[in-house]
Every structure is written in structure tokens, then in C-alpha cells.
């Protein structure tokens, strides 16, 4: 086999590995979870937080909650003991006013309302580009941590400090997820797979060239 056949193959391997790394980097870079409970300490659902290129995607699934439209926010302290008031105010590192529709807002922890169906269940998903799961003051995993809180009433998205969203009816502390909790399609979990595929493809091409030489 001639040297000039090896050089293009080496370049192809490098290109495929670079594309694999870029694919992984474009996906998620962190994850967190929260186990939600009601005021009696009974489990009522879960929340997941996955960081991607557009922000932190928040997914919430709950059951056993009174139906209706309700405020939901990330609060500034990672505690719900002895009661949900321990979570403090909304997560607000920039000292903004409350509300997604407030011209002086919003808090980084402000989120669109969640709607609970008549059977007491809700499936909710939103993306928050004002927070991160990494380092810095916008991180919901730094400092004293944070908590996700669901309220009894709808948030009007304007009124400071909490949108008149009523009592806190469910909450959970936001905690880093272990590797098993990371989505299979995201983050650095993709890198070993993509790299293996790249090397396998390059190996096939190399073998074909070798046979032909």
C-alpha cells in the first residue's frame, strides 16, 4: 500500500473524531433533578433539568395536585424543611422584578404557568435561558442551591414579588443528577459512541484500501 493512501485515511479519522466531539458538545452539558412532595411530605412528582444550547430544559410530571393553572418557580434556597418557606424567594441573581411580562423583569427563576388537569396530573416542559447548571451566579446548583416550587394559583407574570400565585403546594430541592440520569442522547455520553463509530468507519475504509493494494 502506498504512503499517499495512508495520509487521506489519517485525515478522515481526524475529521470524523472532530465531528463526533462537536456533536457531543452541541448536546447537553449537565443535568439535575428534583423529587417533588406536597405539604404533608408525600411524593407528588419529579422534575428534571437538562442544559443544552438554548438554555436549561425543565420537565415536570406531577400527580395528586388540585387542578388548575398554577405558578411554578425556581426558588433561591435548596431547602424545603421544616416547610416550603425555607426555599426563600424566587431565584433572582440579577435583582430584577418579578414576571415574564414585567418590563423590569423577570426573575431568573420565573417560569410559565403549569396547568394541572382535572385528574390531578400535569406534564410540563419549558426552557429557561436565564439559568445554568454550571458555575457562576446564574447556576441553580451553586451557592445555597435552589428548589422548584409549585403554587396554588396562577402567576399573573407581572406583580412583584411573586405574581400573586398563592400558597406553595408542592416543592423539591434541585440536586445534581448522577451519570445514570443523563439523557442517552445528550452530553458527553455521546462522545465515546460517536468516536467508536468514527474509528470503525475509518477502519473499514482502511481495510478496503489494504485489500486493493
Protein backbone atom coordinates (compact mmCIF):
# COMPACT_ATOMS: atom_id res chain seq x y z
CA UNK A 1 0.00 0.00 0.00
CA UNK A 2 1.40 3.43 -0.92
CA UNK A 3 2.04 6.23 1.59
CA UNK A 4 -0.29 8.56 -0.25
CA UNK A 5 -3.18 6.16 0.53
CA UNK A 6 -2.48 6.32 4.28
CA UNK A 7 -2.44 10.13 4.51
CA UNK A 8 -6.05 10.66 3.34
CA UNK A 9 -7.22 7.94 5.75
CA UNK A 10 -5.48 9.66 8.68
CA UNK A 11 -7.15 12.90 7.71
CA UNK A 12 -10.52 11.18 7.54
CA UNK A 13 -10.09 9.72 11.04
CA UNK A 14 -9.22 13.18 12.41
CA UNK A 15 -12.23 14.74 10.69
CA UNK A 16 -14.65 12.10 11.97
CA UNK A 17 -13.36 12.43 15.54
CA UNK A 18 -13.69 16.21 15.37
CA UNK A 19 -17.26 15.91 14.13
CA UNK A 20 -18.03 13.45 16.92
CA UNK A 21 -16.68 15.82 19.57
CA UNK A 22 -18.63 18.71 18.06
CA UNK A 23 -21.83 16.66 18.10
CA UNK A 24 -21.39 15.88 21.77
CA UNK A 25 -20.58 19.47 22.66
CA UNK A 26 -23.72 20.68 20.88
CA UNK A 27 -25.84 18.50 23.10
CA UNK A 28 -26.37 18.73 26.87
CA UNK A 29 -23.66 19.71 29.30
CA UNK A 30 -25.32 18.91 32.63
CA UNK A 31 -28.39 17.59 34.37
CA UNK A 32 -30.24 17.90 37.67
CA UNK A 33 -33.39 16.50 39.25
CA UNK A 34 -35.93 17.36 41.94
CA UNK A 35 -38.24 15.00 43.83
CA UNK A 36 -41.46 16.92 44.43
CA UNK A 37 -43.59 16.48 47.52
CA UNK A 38 -46.75 18.07 48.91
CA UNK A 39 -47.10 19.91 52.23
CA UNK A 40 -47.61 16.57 54.01
CA UNK A 41 -44.30 15.26 52.70
CA UNK A 42 -45.96 12.84 50.27
CA UNK A 43 -44.33 12.40 46.84
CA UNK A 44 -46.30 14.05 44.04
CA UNK A 45 -43.90 14.05 41.10
CA UNK A 46 -40.49 14.68 39.65
CA UNK A 47 -38.66 17.37 37.73
CA UNK A 48 -35.59 17.18 35.52
CA UNK A 49 -33.24 19.92 34.37
CA UNK A 50 -31.06 19.40 31.31
CA UNK A 51 -28.71 22.06 29.99
CA UNK A 52 -28.44 22.47 26.23
CA UNK A 53 -27.55 25.11 23.66
CA UNK A 54 -30.84 27.01 24.16
CA UNK A 55 -30.76 27.02 27.96
CA UNK A 56 -31.94 24.67 30.71
CA UNK A 57 -34.85 22.46 29.66
CA UNK A 58 -37.16 21.85 32.61
CA UNK A 59 -39.53 18.88 32.53
CA UNK A 60 -42.09 18.33 35.30
CA UNK A 61 -44.52 15.46 35.84
CA UNK A 62 -46.89 15.62 38.81
CA UNK A 63 -49.97 13.90 40.17
CA UNK A 64 -52.29 14.38 43.12
CA UNK A 65 -52.45 18.18 42.91
CA UNK A 66 -55.61 20.30 42.77
CA UNK A 67 -56.44 21.05 39.12
CA UNK A 68 -55.99 24.46 37.55
CA UNK A 69 -53.35 26.84 36.26
CA UNK A 70 -50.58 27.39 38.77
CA UNK A 71 -47.42 29.39 39.23
CA UNK A 72 -44.17 27.49 39.17
CA UNK A 73 -40.77 28.96 40.02
CA UNK A 74 -37.20 28.16 40.90
CA UNK A 75 -36.59 29.49 44.42
CA UNK A 76 -33.31 30.74 45.84
CA UNK A 77 -32.54 28.16 48.55
CA UNK A 78 -32.13 24.39 48.28
CA UNK A 79 -34.27 23.52 51.29
CA UNK A 80 -37.93 22.70 51.92
CA UNK A 81 -37.61 21.92 55.65
CA UNK A 82 -39.32 22.49 58.03
CA UNK A 83 -41.72 23.75 55.37
CA UNK A 84 -41.68 25.17 51.85
CA UNK A 85 -41.00 28.69 53.11
CA UNK A 86 -37.42 27.51 53.66
CA UNK A 87 -36.92 27.76 49.89
CA UNK A 88 -36.91 31.54 50.22
CA UNK A 89 -37.85 33.93 47.45
CA UNK A 90 -37.57 33.39 43.71
CA UNK A 91 -34.09 32.77 42.31
CA UNK A 92 -33.12 36.28 41.26
CA UNK A 93 -29.34 36.86 40.96
CA UNK A 94 -29.82 39.99 38.80
CA UNK A 95 -32.22 41.75 41.23
CA UNK A 96 -34.92 42.04 38.57
CA UNK A 97 -38.63 42.48 39.27
CA UNK A 98 -40.99 39.55 39.02
CA UNK A 99 -42.82 38.37 35.93
CA UNK A 100 -42.17 37.20 32.39
CA UNK A 101 -44.42 40.06 31.20
CA UNK A 102 -42.92 42.68 33.51
CA UNK A 103 -40.81 45.28 31.62
CA UNK A 104 -38.46 45.37 34.63
CA UNK A 105 -38.35 41.57 34.91
CA UNK A 106 -38.04 38.74 35.07
CA UNK A 107 -36.52 36.81 37.93
CA UNK A 108 -34.20 34.11 36.62
CA UNK A 109 -36.43 31.61 38.42
CA UNK A 110 -39.69 32.81 36.83
CA UNK A 111 -41.35 30.21 34.60
CA UNK A 112 -44.55 29.96 32.53
CA UNK A 113 -47.52 28.58 34.48
CA UNK A 114 -48.15 24.87 34.78
CA UNK A 115 -51.68 23.55 34.10
CA UNK A 116 -52.90 20.63 36.21
CA UNK A 117 -55.64 18.55 34.60
CA UNK A 118 -58.89 17.53 36.28
CA UNK A 119 -57.36 14.19 37.29
CA UNK A 120 -54.65 16.00 39.23
CA UNK A 121 -51.85 15.29 36.78
CA UNK A 122 -49.66 17.57 34.70
CA UNK A 123 -46.86 17.15 32.20
CA UNK A 124 -44.90 20.33 31.70
CA UNK A 125 -41.88 21.40 29.74
CA UNK A 126 -40.16 24.74 29.24
CA UNK A 127 -36.70 26.14 28.51
CA UNK A 128 -35.13 28.76 30.76
CA UNK A 129 -32.24 30.68 29.19
CA UNK A 130 -31.62 32.78 32.33
CA UNK A 131 -30.13 29.96 34.41
CA UNK A 132 -27.38 27.37 34.04
CA UNK A 133 -26.30 24.12 35.65
CA UNK A 134 -22.65 25.12 35.58
CA UNK A 135 -20.74 27.75 37.51
CA UNK A 136 -21.49 31.40 38.15
CA UNK A 137 -24.26 33.39 39.78
CA UNK A 138 -26.85 32.12 37.28
CA UNK A 139 -26.28 28.50 38.33
CA UNK A 140 -29.20 26.82 40.09
CA UNK A 141 -26.75 24.30 41.57
CA UNK A 142 -24.35 26.79 43.16
CA UNK A 143 -24.29 28.59 46.49
CA UNK A 144 -27.15 27.56 48.78
CA UNK A 145 -28.78 25.57 45.98
CA UNK A 146 -32.32 26.06 44.73
CA UNK A 147 -35.76 24.47 44.92
CA UNK A 148 -38.60 24.10 42.44
CA UNK A 149 -41.94 25.25 43.87
CA UNK A 150 -45.50 24.92 42.54
CA UNK A 151 -48.12 27.34 43.89
CA UNK A 152 -51.86 27.12 44.42
CA UNK A 153 -52.87 29.85 41.94
CA UNK A 154 -51.86 31.14 38.52
CA UNK A 155 -48.95 33.56 38.30
CA UNK A 156 -50.05 36.83 36.65
CA UNK A 157 -46.44 37.26 35.40
CA UNK A 158 -46.36 40.94 36.37
CA UNK A 159 -46.97 41.56 40.07
CA UNK A 160 -43.86 41.80 42.24
CA UNK A 161 -42.64 39.74 44.06
CA UNK A 162 -44.49 36.50 43.19
CA UNK A 163 -47.28 37.18 40.68
CA UNK A 164 -49.96 36.65 43.35
CA UNK A 165 -49.56 32.93 42.82
CA UNK A 166 -50.74 31.93 46.28
CA UNK A 167 -49.58 29.24 48.68
CA UNK A 168 -46.80 26.77 48.00
CA UNK A 169 -48.44 23.39 47.39
CA UNK A 170 -45.55 21.26 46.08
CA UNK A 171 -41.79 21.59 46.10
CA UNK A 172 -38.50 19.76 45.73
CA UNK A 173 -34.80 20.53 46.11
CA UNK A 174 -32.85 20.75 42.84
CA UNK A 175 -29.89 18.38 43.01
CA UNK A 176 -27.21 17.31 40.51
CA UNK A 177 -28.10 14.15 38.63
CA UNK A 178 -25.68 11.24 38.52
CA UNK A 179 -24.44 9.90 35.18
CA UNK A 180 -27.26 7.37 35.00
CA UNK A 181 -29.78 10.21 34.96
CA UNK A 182 -28.26 11.95 31.95
CA UNK A 183 -30.29 11.55 28.75
CA UNK A 184 -28.85 8.94 26.40
CA UNK A 185 -28.98 11.40 23.52
CA UNK A 186 -27.12 14.20 25.22
CA UNK A 187 -23.93 15.43 26.73
CA UNK A 188 -20.59 13.75 26.82
CA UNK A 189 -22.37 10.38 26.81
CA UNK A 190 -22.44 10.72 23.04
CA UNK A 191 -18.72 11.19 22.65
CA UNK A 192 -17.47 7.60 23.22
CA UNK A 193 -20.20 6.21 20.96
CA UNK A 194 -19.58 8.73 18.20
CA UNK A 195 -15.82 8.24 18.44
CA UNK A 196 -16.19 4.46 18.21
CA UNK A 197 -18.37 4.80 15.13
CA UNK A 198 -15.86 7.16 13.56
CA UNK A 199 -12.98 4.77 14.16
CA UNK A 200 -15.00 1.83 12.92
CA UNK A 201 -15.84 3.66 9.70
CA UNK A 202 -12.23 4.63 9.20
CA UNK A 203 -11.15 1.05 9.84
CA UNK A 204 -13.46 -0.24 7.15
CA UNK A 205 -12.07 2.24 4.64
CA UNK A 206 -8.52 1.34 5.66
CA UNK A 207 -9.24 -2.37 5.20
CA UNK A 208 -10.70 -1.78 1.75
CA UNK A 209 -7.64 0.18 0.69
CA UNK A 210 -5.36 -2.55 2.07
CA UNK A 211 -7.17 -5.28 0.15
CA UNK A 212 -6.98 -3.31 -3.06
CA UNK A 213 -3.26 -2.55 -2.69
